[in-house]
Structure formats: C-alpha cells, structure tokens
Amino acid sequence: MVRYVAGLSGRLTRPANLPDEVGTAILTTAVSTTAGYATLAEYRESGLLDDRATLVAVTINTFFGFVQHVFTYYVPVMIPILGAETGVVYVSARAGIALAITVTGVLAGGVLLSERNVDRAALGEVDASGPEADDRTARERLREAAEKSWSTLRRIVPRLAVVYTVVIALVTNYDVEALTSVAEPITGLLGLPGAAVPVVAVYTLDTTAGAVTIAGTEAGTFTTRTAVATLLIGGILSFAVSTFRRSIPFQYGIWGAEFGTKVIAVNTALKLVFITLTVALLLAPVW
C-alpha cells in the first residue's frame, strides 16, 4: 500500500508542476495528516513552494488525507452503522468527491504553476531528497520525512492547542442547532422524505450520530440514493460547524491565520462544488 501511494503521488505532482519532494508530504498525509501538513508547511517556510504552489499541493493532498480515514473511521464505523449497501455507496461517494478535488488540484497546477512558483535551491534548507536521489524504499522515505517534520511539529502543536482551546470555548456557547433551520426547505425542494430533516440536523452536529439516526429510520423511508444524498446535504450544512470545530484550529495551527484562511476557503469551496454535484447525480431522475 505504501509503495502504491508513493508511486501515485509522484505521478500527480509532476503534471501539476510540483517537485517530486512534495510527493513525500502527500505520502505522509496518508499515514498522518498532521505530519503531512507539517512537511508542506516546512516546504513553504523554506521557500521551496510559494503560496500558490502550496495551495495546489494542499488541494492534491485531499484524497490522500481521505485514505487515512477510510481505515480509521469509514470502514470500522460508518459502514457497520449504515449497512453494507448504503455504507459502501456513501464511502464511495466521499472517496469520489475527495478524488475529484485532488484531480482538480493536479489540473490547476498544470495551468497555474511554473518554475517561478518553486525554488529548488531551497531544498538544501529542508534537506529533503527526491525519489531519484537514492535507492531507498518508500517506507524509508516516509520514516525520514516523519523524522524531519518533528521539529516543525514541536512548533505547531502548541499553537494548535491554543487555537483549539479558544475555538471550543466559542462553539460551546453557540446555538449550533440554529444552523440547521434551512434543512427543511432544502430537503423539500430536493424531494427527500420528511425524515431527512432530523437526520440533517443531527448530522450537522455529529456525523456518527447522523448515521445512527438515518439507520434507525423506519425501513422503506429512504432508498440508498436518498439516504446518501441526505448525509451529504448534512455534510454541506455542517461546514459552518466543522470549520470552527476542526478546520480553523488545525489550519491556523499549521499555517497561521492569514494563509490558513486561504486554505480553508479553497477547501470549503471545492467540497461544496463537488458535494453539490454528487447530490445532483444521486437524485437525477434518470436513475
């Protein structure tokens, strides 16, 4: 698996006009999201990547970050709750969305990036080696990348802790349920059953609880397609909550407020676009 991801990451970064070293960060993300982002942060801070190149790299990172959650959350948690058919379709939809975002990043890099966005002379500062530099295995490169990111992590983790503490305090005192007030007109407009409203409301607060809610709905209320579409709509409405709970603390901790805001904006916009397209496909009358 590690060798496969390493080879794929190289095929993605080169068409995007990114150096092979970025593939190491992408590979690391499939194992540890924080370590992978820390490596990219190190590349940006050293000058290897400018802001535009870093945004492209973060976008390409999306699918590989999803891969990690497949084995830690989607397969052991979501599929058993939703059942085999609905669970597999839901996870496949999420995987397709993540892959579409990654492909968008590759295409954007091919169009928007050039040598001006990458300073290969900065490689000496980060002491990173590309895939051709030696005959080390992908696993050895991953281990070395993790070791090199440790110093960056030691600087980032305290900042993460501070931002998480502040954000949790704000969210705890906010009426999150008010964010779901638009669920009923949306589900009605899309022709989803009335039972979709409480599912969306619960999913907005907690994805696992949302899955449990839809799984506990009376049989026949949802088809596989409407169930998956309902969960994805819940995902759209939950962005406001998840942005404050997870994205802002994590991205601000990694990049700082200014660039972190750019990363969040790009990630959110792309997710909204591709989730909306996926919902439209699921509910298309041709099925």
C-alpha atoms as a PDB file:
ATOM      1  CA  MET A   1       0.000   0.000   0.000  1.00  0.00           C
ATOM      2  CA  VAL A   2       2.778   2.429   0.919  1.00  0.00           C
ATOM      3  CA  ARG A   3       4.628   1.739  -2.349  1.00  0.00           C
ATOM      4  CA  TYR A   4       1.433   2.214  -4.340  1.00  0.00           C
ATOM      5  CA  VAL A   5       0.640   5.591  -2.763  1.00  0.00           C
ATOM      6  CA  ALA A   6       4.247   6.736  -3.228  1.00  0.00           C
ATOM      7  CA  GLY A   7       4.182   5.913  -6.922  1.00  0.00           C
ATOM      8  CA  LEU A   8       0.813   7.561  -7.406  1.00  0.00           C
ATOM      9  CA  SER A   9       1.871  10.732  -5.593  1.00  0.00           C
ATOM     10  CA  GLY A  10       4.798  11.168  -7.978  1.00  0.00           C
ATOM     11  CA  ARG A  11       2.507  10.811 -10.982  1.00  0.00           C
ATOM     12  CA  LEU A  12       0.252  13.503  -9.556  1.00  0.00           C
ATOM     13  CA  THR A  13       2.848  16.087  -8.564  1.00  0.00           C
ATOM     14  CA  ARG A  14       4.805  16.129 -11.838  1.00  0.00           C
ATOM     15  CA  PRO A  15       1.833  17.024 -14.084  1.00  0.00           C
ATOM     16  CA  ALA A  16       0.995  19.709 -11.508  1.00  0.00           C
ATOM     17  CA  ASN A  17       4.460  21.268 -11.971  1.00  0.00           C
ATOM     18  CA  LEU A  18       5.389  20.472  -8.377  1.00  0.00           C
ATOM     19  CA  PRO A  19       8.728  18.949  -7.335  1.00  0.00           C
ATOM     20  CA  ASP A  20       8.881  15.258  -6.513  1.00  0.00           C
ATOM     21  CA  GLU A  21       9.637  16.148  -2.898  1.00  0.00           C
ATOM     22  CA  VAL A  22       6.014  17.244  -2.479  1.00  0.00           C
ATOM     23  CA  GLY A  23       5.080  13.627  -3.097  1.00  0.00           C
ATOM     24  CA  THR A  24       6.749  12.770   0.210  1.00  0.00           C
ATOM     25  CA  ALA A  25       4.381  15.103   2.032  1.00  0.00           C
ATOM     26  CA  ILE A  26       1.422  13.606   0.181  1.00  0.00           C
ATOM     27  CA  LEU A  27       2.565  10.113   1.108  1.00  0.00           C
ATOM     28  CA  THR A  28       2.987  11.153   4.731  1.00  0.00           C
ATOM     29  CA  THR A  29      -0.563  12.564   4.792  1.00  0.00           C
ATOM     30  CA  ALA A  30      -1.965   9.121   4.010  1.00  0.00           C
ATOM     31  CA  VAL A  31      -0.446   7.961   7.294  1.00  0.00           C
ATOM     32  CA  SER A  32      -0.561  11.117   9.429  1.00  0.00           C
ATOM     33  CA  THR A  33      -2.458  14.246   8.418  1.00  0.00           C
ATOM     34  CA  THR A  34      -0.561  16.471  10.847  1.00  0.00           C
ATOM     35  CA  ALA A  35       2.851  15.187   9.748  1.00  0.00           C
ATOM     36  CA  GLY A  36       1.959  15.581   6.066  1.00  0.00           C
ATOM     37  CA  TYR A  37       0.789  19.156   6.522  1.00  0.00           C
ATOM     38  CA  ALA A  38       3.810  19.899   8.692  1.00  0.00           C
ATOM     39  CA  THR A  39       6.071  18.789   5.828  1.00  0.00           C
ATOM     40  CA  LEU A  40       4.238  21.069   3.400  1.00  0.00           C
ATOM     41  CA  ALA A  41       4.475  23.914   5.910  1.00  0.00           C
ATOM     42  CA  GLU A  42       8.212  23.331   6.098  1.00  0.00           C
ATOM     43  CA  TYR A  43       8.466  23.465   2.301  1.00  0.00           C
ATOM     44  CA  ARG A  44       6.529  26.740   2.236  1.00  0.00           C
ATOM     45  CA  GLU A  45       8.510  28.339   5.052  1.00  0.00           C
ATOM     46  CA  SER A  46      11.818  27.369   3.436  1.00  0.00           C
ATOM     47  CA  GLY A  47      10.767  28.975   0.155  1.00  0.00           C
ATOM     48  CA  LEU A  48      10.618  25.750  -1.848  1.00  0.00           C
ATOM     49  CA  LEU A  49       6.928  26.451  -2.543  1.00  0.00           C
ATOM     50  CA  ASP A  50       5.258  29.837  -2.790  1.00  0.00           C
ATOM     51  CA  ASP A  51       1.685  30.362  -1.614  1.00  0.00           C
ATOM     52  CA  ARG A  52       0.102  29.394  -4.922  1.00  0.00           C
ATOM     53  CA  ALA A  53       2.119  26.187  -5.186  1.00  0.00           C
ATOM     54  CA  THR A  54       1.326  25.344  -1.564  1.00  0.00           C
ATOM     55  CA  LEU A  55      -2.413  25.771  -2.156  1.00  0.00           C
ATOM     56  CA  VAL A  56      -2.178  23.423  -5.137  1.00  0.00           C
ATOM     57  CA  ALA A  57      -0.234  20.890  -3.059  1.00  0.00           C
ATOM     58  CA  VAL A  58      -2.810  21.080  -0.251  1.00  0.00           C
ATOM     59  CA  THR A  59      -5.594  20.518  -2.782  1.00  0.00           C
ATOM     60  CA  ILE A  60      -3.831  17.458  -4.218  1.00  0.00           C
ATOM     61  CA  ASN A  61      -3.418  16.234  -0.651  1.00  0.00           C
ATOM     62  CA  THR A  62      -7.194  15.833  -0.248  1.00  0.00           C
ATOM     63  CA  PHE A  63      -7.629  12.264  -1.469  1.00  0.00           C
ATOM     64  CA  PHE A  64      -4.619  11.000   0.451  1.00  0.00           C
ATOM     65  CA  GLY A  65      -5.943  12.524   3.636  1.00  0.00           C
ATOM     66  CA  PHE A  66      -9.227  10.736   2.933  1.00  0.00           C
ATOM     67  CA  VAL A  67      -7.433   7.394   2.548  1.00  0.00           C
ATOM     68  CA  GLN A  68      -6.347   7.560   6.186  1.00  0.00           C
ATOM     69  CA  HIS A  69      -9.936   7.999   7.373  1.00  0.00           C
ATOM     70  CA  VAL A  70     -11.179   5.069   5.293  1.00  0.00           C
ATOM     71  CA  PHE A  71      -9.421   2.620   7.590  1.00  0.00           C
ATOM     72  CA  THR A  72      -9.830   4.533  10.842  1.00  0.00           C
ATOM     73  CA  TYR A  73     -13.421   5.755  10.534  1.00  0.00           C
ATOM     74  CA  TYR A  74     -15.421   4.951   7.408  1.00  0.00           C
ATOM     75  CA  VAL A  75     -14.883   1.181   7.257  1.00  0.00           C
ATOM     76  CA  PRO A  76     -14.961   0.378  11.003  1.00  0.00           C
ATOM     77  CA  VAL A  77     -17.651   2.920  11.961  1.00  0.00           C
ATOM     78  CA  MET A  78     -19.833   4.245   9.139  1.00  0.00           C
ATOM     79  CA  ILE A  79     -20.327   1.092   7.058  1.00  0.00           C
ATOM     80  CA  PRO A  80     -21.421  -1.048  10.031  1.00  0.00           C
ATOM     81  CA  ILE A  81     -23.889   1.666  11.096  1.00  0.00           C
ATOM     82  CA  LEU A  82     -25.344   2.326   7.645  1.00  0.00           C
ATOM     83  CA  GLY A  83     -25.263  -1.257   6.434  1.00  0.00           C
ATOM     84  CA  ALA A  84     -23.248  -2.745   3.591  1.00  0.00           C
ATOM     85  CA  GLU A  85     -25.085  -1.264   0.603  1.00  0.00           C
ATOM     86  CA  THR A  86     -25.738   2.258   1.863  1.00  0.00           C
ATOM     87  CA  GLY A  87     -22.405   2.358   3.685  1.00  0.00           C
ATOM     88  CA  VAL A  88     -20.361   1.365   0.650  1.00  0.00           C
ATOM     89  CA  VAL A  89     -22.199   3.820  -1.609  1.00  0.00           C
ATOM     90  CA  TYR A  90     -21.706   6.614   0.941  1.00  0.00           C
ATOM     91  CA  VAL A  91     -17.995   5.912   1.385  1.00  0.00           C
ATOM     92  CA  SER A  92     -17.579   5.598  -2.383  1.00  0.00           C
ATOM     93  CA  ALA A  93     -19.295   8.961  -2.848  1.00  0.00           C
ATOM     94  CA  ARG A  94     -16.973  10.574  -0.299  1.00  0.00           C
ATOM     95  CA  ALA A  95     -13.982   8.950  -1.981  1.00  0.00           C
ATOM     96  CA  GLY A  96     -15.123  10.210  -5.381  1.00  0.00           C
ATOM     97  CA  ILE A  97     -15.503  13.738  -4.023  1.00  0.00           C
ATOM     98  CA  ALA A  98     -12.020  13.647  -2.484  1.00  0.00           C
ATOM     99  CA  LEU A  99     -10.529  12.234  -5.689  1.00  0.00           C
ATOM    100  CA  ALA A 100     -12.266  14.888  -7.798  1.00  0.00           C
ATOM    101  CA  ILE A 101     -10.744  17.615  -5.610  1.00  0.00           C
ATOM    102  CA  THR A 102      -7.302  16.041  -5.952  1.00  0.00           C
ATOM    103  CA  VAL A 103      -7.640  15.844  -9.738  1.00  0.00           C
ATOM    104  CA  THR A 104      -8.755  19.489  -9.752  1.00  0.00           C
ATOM    105  CA  GLY A 105      -5.555  20.339  -7.877  1.00  0.00           C
ATOM    106  CA  VAL A 106      -3.444  18.495 -10.448  1.00  0.00           C
ATOM    107  CA  LEU A 107      -5.160  20.294 -13.333  1.00  0.00           C
ATOM    108  CA  ALA A 108      -4.852  23.646 -11.571  1.00  0.00           C
ATOM    109  CA  GLY A 109      -1.150  23.076 -11.003  1.00  0.00           C
ATOM    110  CA  GLY A 110      -0.623  22.243 -14.658  1.00  0.00           C
ATOM    111  CA  VAL A 111      -2.268  25.515 -15.667  1.00  0.00           C
ATOM    112  CA  LEU A 112      -1.305  27.911 -12.869  1.00  0.00           C
ATOM    113  CA  LEU A 113       2.164  26.815 -11.758  1.00  0.00           C
ATOM    114  CA  SER A 114       5.585  27.211 -13.325  1.00  0.00           C
ATOM    115  CA  GLU A 115       9.203  27.315 -12.213  1.00  0.00           C
ATOM    116  CA  ARG A 116       8.505  30.758 -10.743  1.00  0.00           C
ATOM    117  CA  ASN A 117       6.390  29.128  -8.044  1.00  0.00           C
ATOM    118  CA  VAL A 118       9.066  26.646  -6.982  1.00  0.00           C
ATOM    119  CA  ASP A 119      12.543  27.484  -5.699  1.00  0.00           C
ATOM    120  CA  ARG A 120      14.518  24.254  -5.944  1.00  0.00           C
ATOM    121  CA  ALA A 121      17.553  25.978  -4.446  1.00  0.00           C
ATOM    122  CA  ALA A 122      15.666  25.955  -1.139  1.00  0.00           C
ATOM    123  CA  LEU A 123      15.852  22.160  -0.996  1.00  0.00           C
ATOM    124  CA  GLY A 124      19.174  22.420   0.791  1.00  0.00           C
ATOM    125  CA  GLU A 125      17.484  24.232   3.665  1.00  0.00           C
ATOM    126  CA  VAL A 126      14.943  21.479   4.280  1.00  0.00           C
ATOM    127  CA  ASP A 127      17.400  18.687   3.467  1.00  0.00           C
ATOM    128  CA  ALA A 128      14.767  16.713   1.559  1.00  0.00           C
ATOM    129  CA  SER A 129      15.584  14.179  -1.137  1.00  0.00           C
ATOM    130  CA  GLY A 130      13.545  13.311  -4.182  1.00  0.00           C
ATOM    131  CA  PRO A 131      12.604   9.814  -5.316  1.00  0.00           C
ATOM    132  CA  GLU A 132      15.559   9.589  -7.745  1.00  0.00           C
ATOM    133  CA  ALA A 133      18.134  10.715  -5.238  1.00  0.00           C
ATOM    134  CA  ASP A 134      18.840   7.244  -3.922  1.00  0.00           C
ATOM    135  CA  ASP A 135      17.516   3.707  -3.857  1.00  0.00           C
ATOM    136  CA  ARG A 136      15.734   3.936  -0.513  1.00  0.00           C
ATOM    137  CA  THR A 137      12.351   2.269  -0.239  1.00  0.00           C
ATOM    138  CA  ALA A 138       9.170   4.306   0.047  1.00  0.00           C
ATOM    139  CA  ARG A 139       8.838   3.168   3.653  1.00  0.00           C
ATOM    140  CA  GLU A 140      12.315   4.506   4.466  1.00  0.00           C
ATOM    141  CA  ARG A 141      11.488   7.842   2.823  1.00  0.00           C
ATOM    142  CA  LEU A 142       8.304   8.033   4.843  1.00  0.00           C
ATOM    143  CA  ARG A 143      10.191   7.364   8.078  1.00  0.00           C
ATOM    144  CA  GLU A 144      12.767  10.038   7.239  1.00  0.00           C
ATOM    145  CA  ALA A 145      10.028  12.537   6.306  1.00  0.00           C
ATOM    146  CA  ALA A 146       8.341  11.948   9.639  1.00  0.00           C
ATOM    147  CA  GLU A 147      11.623  12.470  11.493  1.00  0.00           C
ATOM    148  CA  LYS A 148      12.340  15.684   9.603  1.00  0.00           C
ATOM    149  CA  SER A 149       8.870  17.028  10.348  1.00  0.00           C
ATOM    150  CA  TRP A 150       9.318  16.529  14.097  1.00  0.00           C
ATOM    151  CA  SER A 151      10.922  19.910  14.640  1.00  0.00           C
ATOM    152  CA  THR A 152       8.080  21.556  12.735  1.00  0.00           C
ATOM    153  CA  LEU A 153       5.510  19.606  14.742  1.00  0.00           C
ATOM    154  CA  ARG A 154       7.063  20.748  18.030  1.00  0.00           C
ATOM    155  CA  ARG A 155       6.464  24.324  16.946  1.00  0.00           C
ATOM    156  CA  ILE A 156       2.970  23.720  15.529  1.00  0.00           C
ATOM    157  CA  VAL A 157       1.410  21.541  18.238  1.00  0.00           C
ATOM    158  CA  PRO A 158       1.464  24.212  21.000  1.00  0.00           C
ATOM    159  CA  ARG A 159      -0.152  26.659  18.600  1.00  0.00           C
ATOM    160  CA  LEU A 160      -2.774  24.041  17.719  1.00  0.00           C
ATOM    161  CA  ALA A 161      -3.558  23.538  21.396  1.00  0.00           C
ATOM    162  CA  VAL A 162      -4.091  27.258  21.994  1.00  0.00           C
ATOM    163  CA  VAL A 163      -6.347  27.738  18.961  1.00  0.00           C
ATOM    164  CA  TYR A 164      -8.374  24.585  19.730  1.00  0.00           C
ATOM    165  CA  THR A 165      -8.988  25.820  23.282  1.00  0.00           C
ATOM    166  CA  VAL A 166     -10.250  29.214  22.116  1.00  0.00           C
ATOM    167  CA  VAL A 167     -12.447  27.767  19.347  1.00  0.00           C
ATOM    168  CA  ILE A 168     -14.005  25.092  21.573  1.00  0.00           C
ATOM    169  CA  ALA A 169     -14.915  27.787  24.093  1.00  0.00           C
ATOM    170  CA  LEU A 170     -16.651  29.794  21.369  1.00  0.00           C
ATOM    171  CA  VAL A 171     -18.506  26.841  19.834  1.00  0.00           C
ATOM    172  CA  THR A 172     -19.678  25.548  23.204  1.00  0.00           C
ATOM    173  CA  ASN A 173     -21.543  28.804  23.802  1.00  0.00           C
ATOM    174  CA  TYR A 174     -23.065  28.987  20.330  1.00  0.00           C
ATOM    175  CA  ASP A 175     -26.501  27.713  19.325  1.00  0.00           C
ATOM    176  CA  VAL A 176     -25.311  25.304  16.649  1.00  0.00           C
ATOM    177  CA  GLU A 177     -28.816  23.942  16.054  1.00  0.00           C
ATOM    178  CA  ALA A 178     -29.816  27.272  14.528  1.00  0.00           C
ATOM    179  CA  LEU A 179     -27.590  26.409  11.577  1.00  0.00           C
ATOM    180  CA  THR A 180     -29.994  23.602  10.544  1.00  0.00           C
ATOM    181  CA  SER A 181     -33.037  25.867  10.181  1.00  0.00           C
ATOM    182  CA  VAL A 182     -32.670  25.787   6.398  1.00  0.00           C
ATOM    183  CA  ALA A 183     -32.721  21.978   6.253  1.00  0.00           C
ATOM    184  CA  GLU A 184     -36.470  21.563   5.742  1.00  0.00           C
ATOM    185  CA  PRO A 185     -36.877  23.799   2.660  1.00  0.00           C
ATOM    186  CA  ILE A 186     -33.752  22.269   1.104  1.00  0.00           C
ATOM    187  CA  THR A 187     -34.826  18.666   1.641  1.00  0.00           C
ATOM    188  CA  GLY A 188     -38.349  19.515   0.496  1.00  0.00           C
ATOM    189  CA  LEU A 189     -37.068  21.185  -2.657  1.00  0.00           C
ATOM    190  CA  LEU A 190     -34.990  18.116  -3.486  1.00  0.00           C
ATOM    191  CA  GLY A 191     -37.887  15.759  -2.916  1.00  0.00           C
ATOM    192  CA  LEU A 192     -36.336  14.000   0.065  1.00  0.00           C
ATOM    193  CA  PRO A 193     -38.617  12.453   2.703  1.00  0.00           C
ATOM    194  CA  GLY A 194     -39.561  14.480   5.765  1.00  0.00           C
ATOM    195  CA  ALA A 195     -37.416  12.174   7.900  1.00  0.00           C
ATOM    196  CA  ALA A 196     -34.386  13.727   6.210  1.00  0.00           C
ATOM    197  CA  VAL A 197     -34.731  16.920   8.275  1.00  0.00           C
ATOM    198  CA  PRO A 198     -33.828  15.440  11.679  1.00  0.00           C
ATOM    199  CA  VAL A 199     -31.065  13.390  10.041  1.00  0.00           C
ATOM    200  CA  VAL A 200     -29.544  16.540   8.560  1.00  0.00           C
ATOM    201  CA  ALA A 201     -29.917  18.363  11.869  1.00  0.00           C
ATOM    202  CA  VAL A 202     -28.172  15.629  13.836  1.00  0.00           C
ATOM    203  CA  TYR A 203     -25.513  15.097  11.158  1.00  0.00           C
ATOM    204  CA  THR A 204     -24.711  18.796  11.306  1.00  0.00           C
ATOM    205  CA  LEU A 205     -23.743  18.368  14.939  1.00  0.00           C
ATOM    206  CA  ASP A 206     -22.113  14.948  14.719  1.00  0.00           C
ATOM    207  CA  THR A 207     -21.568  12.762  11.651  1.00  0.00           C
ATOM    208  CA  THR A 208     -21.695   9.448  13.501  1.00  0.00           C
ATOM    209  CA  ALA A 209     -24.908  10.383  15.303  1.00  0.00           C
ATOM    210  CA  GLY A 210     -26.382  11.415  11.953  1.00  0.00           C
ATOM    211  CA  ALA A 211     -25.584   7.994  10.514  1.00  0.00           C
ATOM    212  CA  VAL A 212     -27.184   6.305  13.541  1.00  0.00           C
ATOM    213  CA  THR A 213     -30.301   8.466  13.077  1.00  0.00           C
ATOM    214  CA  ILE A 214     -30.765   7.520   9.441  1.00  0.00           C
ATOM    215  CA  ALA A 215     -30.046   3.869  10.191  1.00  0.00           C
ATOM    216  CA  GLY A 216     -32.770   3.896  12.831  1.00  0.00           C
ATOM    217  CA  THR A 217     -35.383   5.342  10.481  1.00  0.00           C
ATOM    218  CA  GLU A 218     -38.235   3.057   9.521  1.00  0.00           C
ATOM    219  CA  ALA A 219     -37.373   0.713   6.670  1.00  0.00           C
ATOM    220  CA  GLY A 220     -38.567   1.961   3.303  1.00  0.00           C
ATOM    221  CA  THR A 221     -38.371   5.637   4.214  1.00  0.00           C
ATOM    222  CA  PHE A 222     -35.055   6.103   2.441  1.00  0.00           C
ATOM    223  CA  THR A 223     -33.647   4.450  -0.642  1.00  0.00           C
ATOM    224  CA  THR A 224     -29.882   4.015  -0.852  1.00  0.00           C
ATOM    225  CA  ARG A 225     -29.614   7.080  -3.067  1.00  0.00           C
ATOM    226  CA  THR A 226     -31.793   9.346  -0.912  1.00  0.00           C
ATOM    227  CA  ALA A 227     -30.040   8.174   2.257  1.00  0.00           C
ATOM    228  CA  VAL A 228     -26.599   9.011   0.860  1.00  0.00           C
ATOM    229  CA  ALA A 229     -27.859  12.318  -0.556  1.00  0.00           C
ATOM    230  CA  THR A 230     -29.316  13.228   2.860  1.00  0.00           C
ATOM    231  CA  LEU A 231     -25.999  12.549   4.590  1.00  0.00           C
ATOM    232  CA  LEU A 232     -24.132  14.599   2.003  1.00  0.00           C
ATOM    233  CA  ILE A 233     -26.543  17.518   2.436  1.00  0.00           C
ATOM    234  CA  GLY A 234     -25.925  17.250   6.155  1.00  0.00           C
ATOM    235  CA  GLY A 235     -22.250  17.498   5.317  1.00  0.00           C
ATOM    236  CA  ILE A 236     -22.838  20.746   3.434  1.00  0.00           C
ATOM    237  CA  LEU A 237     -24.737  22.320   6.330  1.00  0.00           C
ATOM    238  CA  SER A 238     -22.187  21.055   8.831  1.00  0.00           C
ATOM    239  CA  PHE A 239     -19.381  23.040   7.207  1.00  0.00           C
ATOM    240  CA  ALA A 240     -20.120  26.050   9.406  1.00  0.00           C
ATOM    241  CA  VAL A 241     -19.764  23.864  12.487  1.00  0.00           C
ATOM    242  CA  SER A 242     -16.817  21.758  11.306  1.00  0.00           C
ATOM    243  CA  THR A 243     -14.957  24.846  10.136  1.00  0.00           C
ATOM    244  CA  PHE A 244     -14.996  26.268  13.660  1.00  0.00           C
ATOM    245  CA  ARG A 245     -14.507  22.964  15.434  1.00  0.00           C
ATOM    246  CA  ARG A 246     -11.797  21.438  13.257  1.00  0.00           C
ATOM    247  CA  SER A 247     -10.653  23.405  10.207  1.00  0.00           C
ATOM    248  CA  ILE A 248      -9.825  26.718  11.864  1.00  0.00           C
ATOM    249  CA  PRO A 249      -7.919  25.207  14.800  1.00  0.00           C
ATOM    250  CA  PHE A 250      -5.988  22.799  12.574  1.00  0.00           C
ATOM    251  CA  GLN A 251      -5.259  25.080   9.601  1.00  0.00           C
ATOM    252  CA  TYR A 252      -4.487  28.134  11.718  1.00  0.00           C
ATOM    253  CA  GLY A 253      -2.210  25.994  13.847  1.00  0.00           C
ATOM    254  CA  ILE A 254      -0.335  24.756  10.775  1.00  0.00           C
ATOM    255  CA  TRP A 255      -0.208  27.893   8.626  1.00  0.00           C
ATOM    256  CA  GLY A 256      -1.183  30.850  10.791  1.00  0.00           C
ATOM    257  CA  ALA A 257      -4.369  32.884  10.389  1.00  0.00           C
ATOM    258  CA  GLU A 258      -3.721  34.595   7.037  1.00  0.00           C
ATOM    259  CA  PHE A 259      -2.663  31.635   4.916  1.00  0.00           C
ATOM    260  CA  GLY A 260      -4.797  29.239   6.946  1.00  0.00           C
ATOM    261  CA  THR A 261      -7.861  31.252   5.930  1.00  0.00           C
ATOM    262  CA  LYS A 262      -6.915  30.822   2.265  1.00  0.00           C
ATOM    263  CA  VAL A 263      -6.543  27.073   2.702  1.00  0.00           C
ATOM    264  CA  ILE A 264      -9.943  26.827   4.412  1.00  0.00           C
ATOM    265  CA  ALA A 265     -11.602  28.930   1.704  1.00  0.00           C
ATOM    266  CA  VAL A 266     -10.213  26.778  -1.121  1.00  0.00           C
ATOM    267  CA  ASN A 267     -11.024  23.505   0.644  1.00  0.00           C
ATOM    268  CA  THR A 268     -14.567  24.589   1.520  1.00  0.00           C
ATOM    269  CA  ALA A 269     -15.339  25.929  -1.950  1.00  0.00           C
ATOM    270  CA  LEU A 270     -14.167  22.750  -3.674  1.00  0.00           C
ATOM    271  CA  LYS A 271     -16.053  20.499  -1.247  1.00  0.00           C
ATOM    272  CA  LEU A 272     -19.254  22.493  -1.724  1.00  0.00           C
ATOM    273  CA  VAL A 273     -18.979  22.257  -5.504  1.00  0.00           C
ATOM    274  CA  PHE A 274     -18.303  18.528  -5.676  1.00  0.00           C
ATOM    275  CA  ILE A 275     -20.736  17.525  -2.918  1.00  0.00           C
ATOM    276  CA  THR A 276     -23.460  19.513  -4.686  1.00  0.00           C
ATOM    277  CA  LEU A 277     -22.658  17.782  -7.978  1.00  0.00           C
ATOM    278  CA  THR A 278     -22.711  14.397  -6.268  1.00  0.00           C
ATOM    279  CA  VAL A 279     -26.103  15.082  -4.664  1.00  0.00           C
ATOM    280  CA  ALA A 280     -27.458  16.188  -8.050  1.00  0.00           C
ATOM    281  CA  LEU A 281     -26.176  12.973  -9.625  1.00  0.00           C
ATOM    282  CA  LEU A 282     -27.691  10.803  -6.882  1.00  0.00           C
ATOM    283  CA  LEU A 283     -31.097  12.465  -7.202  1.00  0.00           C
ATOM    284  CA  ALA A 284     -31.127  12.694 -11.001  1.00  0.00           C
ATOM    285  CA  PRO A 285     -34.438  11.336 -12.402  1.00  0.00           C
ATOM    286  CA  VAL A 286     -32.606   9.114 -14.910  1.00  0.00           C
ATOM    287  CA  TRP A 287     -31.868   6.589 -12.151  1.00  0.00           C
END
